[in-house]
Amino acid sequence: MSETAPAAASGAESAPRPHASKQDAGKRRGLFARIALFVRQVVAELKKVVYPTRPDLITYTTVVLVFVAVVMAFVTVLDLGIGRLTFWIFGG
């Protein structure tokens, strides 16, 4: 354990939170300033997005469609089996 850890642990309750000033500043801002900040943050996050290339997109789409087809076939077989079992049990 480092020398600063006990000191930090002992004064953790009394130490001010680092985000308290930002939260207080957010409360003092007006409605339009908060909306503008939100929009700037959204734009900044969207700049970080990495879009898939066309071959990647085709691969992902194919995988999803094949998976959906397999699940549909499984559910269809299961439904037909349960239906026949029901007719066999209750006589239809």
C-alpha atoms as a PDB file:
ATOM      1  CA  MET A   1       0.000   0.000   0.000  1.00  0.00           C
ATOM      2  CA  SER A   2       1.410   3.419  -0.846  1.00  0.00           C
ATOM      3  CA  GLU A   3       1.949   6.170   1.711  1.00  0.00           C
ATOM      4  CA  THR A   4      -0.769   8.335   0.191  1.00  0.00           C
ATOM      5  CA  ALA A   5      -3.414   5.583   0.238  1.00  0.00           C
ATOM      6  CA  PRO A   6      -4.022   5.695   4.022  1.00  0.00           C
ATOM      7  CA  ALA A   7      -4.110   9.485   3.948  1.00  0.00           C
ATOM      8  CA  ALA A   8      -6.535   9.431   1.043  1.00  0.00           C
ATOM      9  CA  ALA A   9      -8.660   6.772   2.723  1.00  0.00           C
ATOM     10  CA  SER A  10      -8.790   8.622   6.020  1.00  0.00           C
ATOM     11  CA  GLY A  11      -9.787  11.917   4.441  1.00  0.00           C
ATOM     12  CA  ALA A  12     -12.050  10.460   1.788  1.00  0.00           C
ATOM     13  CA  GLU A  13     -15.253  11.486   3.516  1.00  0.00           C
ATOM     14  CA  SER A  14     -14.189  15.057   4.169  1.00  0.00           C
ATOM     15  CA  ALA A  15     -12.453  15.671   0.830  1.00  0.00           C
ATOM     16  CA  PRO A  16     -14.541  17.520  -1.757  1.00  0.00           C
ATOM     17  CA  ARG A  17     -15.584  15.510  -4.746  1.00  0.00           C
ATOM     18  CA  PRO A  18     -13.781  16.480  -7.952  1.00  0.00           C
ATOM     19  CA  HIS A  19     -17.023  16.476  -9.926  1.00  0.00           C
ATOM     20  CA  ALA A  20     -18.925  18.665  -7.481  1.00  0.00           C
ATOM     21  CA  SER A  21     -17.763  21.881  -9.120  1.00  0.00           C
ATOM     22  CA  LYS A  22     -18.756  20.617 -12.572  1.00  0.00           C
ATOM     23  CA  GLN A  23     -22.151  19.583 -11.291  1.00  0.00           C
ATOM     24  CA  ASP A  24     -22.623  22.963  -9.629  1.00  0.00           C
ATOM     25  CA  ALA A  25     -21.561  24.706 -12.834  1.00  0.00           C
ATOM     26  CA  GLY A  26     -24.096  22.583 -14.758  1.00  0.00           C
ATOM     27  CA  LYS A  27     -26.836  23.704 -12.399  1.00  0.00           C
ATOM     28  CA  ARG A  28     -25.953  27.376 -12.912  1.00  0.00           C
ATOM     29  CA  ARG A  29     -26.116  27.152 -16.707  1.00  0.00           C
ATOM     30  CA  GLY A  30     -29.268  28.110 -18.512  1.00  0.00           C
ATOM     31  CA  LEU A  31     -31.470  25.769 -20.472  1.00  0.00           C
ATOM     32  CA  PHE A  32     -30.060  26.746 -23.870  1.00  0.00           C
ATOM     33  CA  ALA A  33     -26.470  26.510 -22.646  1.00  0.00           C
ATOM     34  CA  ARG A  34     -27.116  22.956 -21.428  1.00  0.00           C
ATOM     35  CA  ILE A  35     -28.772  22.041 -24.728  1.00  0.00           C
ATOM     36  CA  ALA A  36     -25.820  23.499 -26.650  1.00  0.00           C
ATOM     37  CA  LEU A  37     -23.391  21.542 -24.459  1.00  0.00           C
ATOM     38  CA  PHE A  38     -25.364  18.358 -25.069  1.00  0.00           C
ATOM     39  CA  VAL A  39     -25.321  18.894 -28.842  1.00  0.00           C
ATOM     40  CA  ARG A  40     -21.562  19.572 -28.797  1.00  0.00           C
ATOM     41  CA  GLN A  41     -20.992  16.387 -26.814  1.00  0.00           C
ATOM     42  CA  VAL A  42     -23.163  14.374 -29.201  1.00  0.00           C
ATOM     43  CA  VAL A  43     -21.252  15.694 -32.211  1.00  0.00           C
ATOM     44  CA  ALA A  44     -17.933  14.918 -30.494  1.00  0.00           C
ATOM     45  CA  GLU A  45     -19.050  11.349 -29.800  1.00  0.00           C
ATOM     46  CA  LEU A  46     -20.308  10.870 -33.357  1.00  0.00           C
ATOM     47  CA  LYS A  47     -16.887  11.884 -34.668  1.00  0.00           C
ATOM     48  CA  LYS A  48     -15.447   8.887 -32.791  1.00  0.00           C
ATOM     49  CA  VAL A  49     -17.739   6.396 -34.540  1.00  0.00           C
ATOM     50  CA  VAL A  50     -16.039   4.002 -36.928  1.00  0.00           C
ATOM     51  CA  TYR A  51     -18.427   2.982 -39.667  1.00  0.00           C
ATOM     52  CA  PRO A  52     -18.049  -0.480 -41.251  1.00  0.00           C
ATOM     53  CA  THR A  53     -16.757  -0.784 -44.781  1.00  0.00           C
ATOM     54  CA  ARG A  54     -19.037  -2.052 -47.532  1.00  0.00           C
ATOM     55  CA  PRO A  55     -17.619  -5.626 -47.448  1.00  0.00           C
ATOM     56  CA  ASP A  56     -17.983  -5.700 -43.649  1.00  0.00           C
ATOM     57  CA  LEU A  57     -21.563  -4.482 -43.918  1.00  0.00           C
ATOM     58  CA  ILE A  58     -22.397  -7.153 -46.505  1.00  0.00           C
ATOM     59  CA  THR A  59     -20.812  -9.828 -44.287  1.00  0.00           C
ATOM     60  CA  TYR A  60     -22.683  -8.687 -41.183  1.00  0.00           C
ATOM     61  CA  THR A  61     -25.976  -8.523 -43.084  1.00  0.00           C
ATOM     62  CA  THR A  62     -25.472 -12.015 -44.512  1.00  0.00           C
ATOM     63  CA  VAL A  63     -24.669 -13.444 -41.087  1.00  0.00           C
ATOM     64  CA  VAL A  64     -27.788 -11.878 -39.577  1.00  0.00           C
ATOM     65  CA  LEU A  65     -30.061 -13.100 -42.385  1.00  0.00           C
ATOM     66  CA  VAL A  66     -28.672 -16.644 -42.210  1.00  0.00           C
ATOM     67  CA  PHE A  67     -29.080 -16.686 -38.422  1.00  0.00           C
ATOM     68  CA  VAL A  68     -32.661 -15.447 -38.683  1.00  0.00           C
ATOM     69  CA  ALA A  69     -33.441 -18.113 -41.309  1.00  0.00           C
ATOM     70  CA  VAL A  70     -31.983 -20.857 -39.090  1.00  0.00           C
ATOM     71  CA  VAL A  71     -33.972 -19.681 -36.074  1.00  0.00           C
ATOM     72  CA  MET A  72     -37.149 -19.475 -38.184  1.00  0.00           C
ATOM     73  CA  ALA A  73     -36.624 -23.041 -39.412  1.00  0.00           C
ATOM     74  CA  PHE A  74     -36.027 -24.252 -35.847  1.00  0.00           C
ATOM     75  CA  VAL A  75     -39.145 -22.538 -34.524  1.00  0.00           C
ATOM     76  CA  THR A  76     -41.202 -23.867 -37.470  1.00  0.00           C
ATOM     77  CA  VAL A  77     -40.086 -27.451 -36.847  1.00  0.00           C
ATOM     78  CA  LEU A  78     -40.712 -27.057 -33.118  1.00  0.00           C
ATOM     79  CA  ASP A  79     -44.184 -25.606 -33.769  1.00  0.00           C
ATOM     80  CA  LEU A  80     -45.115 -28.391 -36.166  1.00  0.00           C
ATOM     81  CA  GLY A  81     -43.847 -31.006 -33.713  1.00  0.00           C
ATOM     82  CA  ILE A  82     -45.789 -29.550 -30.796  1.00  0.00           C
ATOM     83  CA  GLY A  83     -48.893 -29.254 -32.988  1.00  0.00           C
ATOM     84  CA  ARG A  84     -48.724 -32.906 -34.085  1.00  0.00           C
ATOM     85  CA  LEU A  85     -48.048 -34.006 -30.516  1.00  0.00           C
ATOM     86  CA  THR A  86     -51.088 -32.050 -29.352  1.00  0.00           C
ATOM     87  CA  PHE A  87     -53.305 -33.600 -32.029  1.00  0.00           C
ATOM     88  CA  TRP A  88     -51.961 -37.059 -31.156  1.00  0.00           C
ATOM     89  CA  ILE A  89     -52.632 -36.565 -27.416  1.00  0.00           C
ATOM     90  CA  PHE A  90     -56.054 -34.953 -27.667  1.00  0.00           C
ATOM     91  CA  GLY A  91     -57.118 -36.631 -30.914  1.00  0.00           C
ATOM     92  CA  GLY A  92     -57.936 -34.107 -33.562  1.00  0.00           C
END
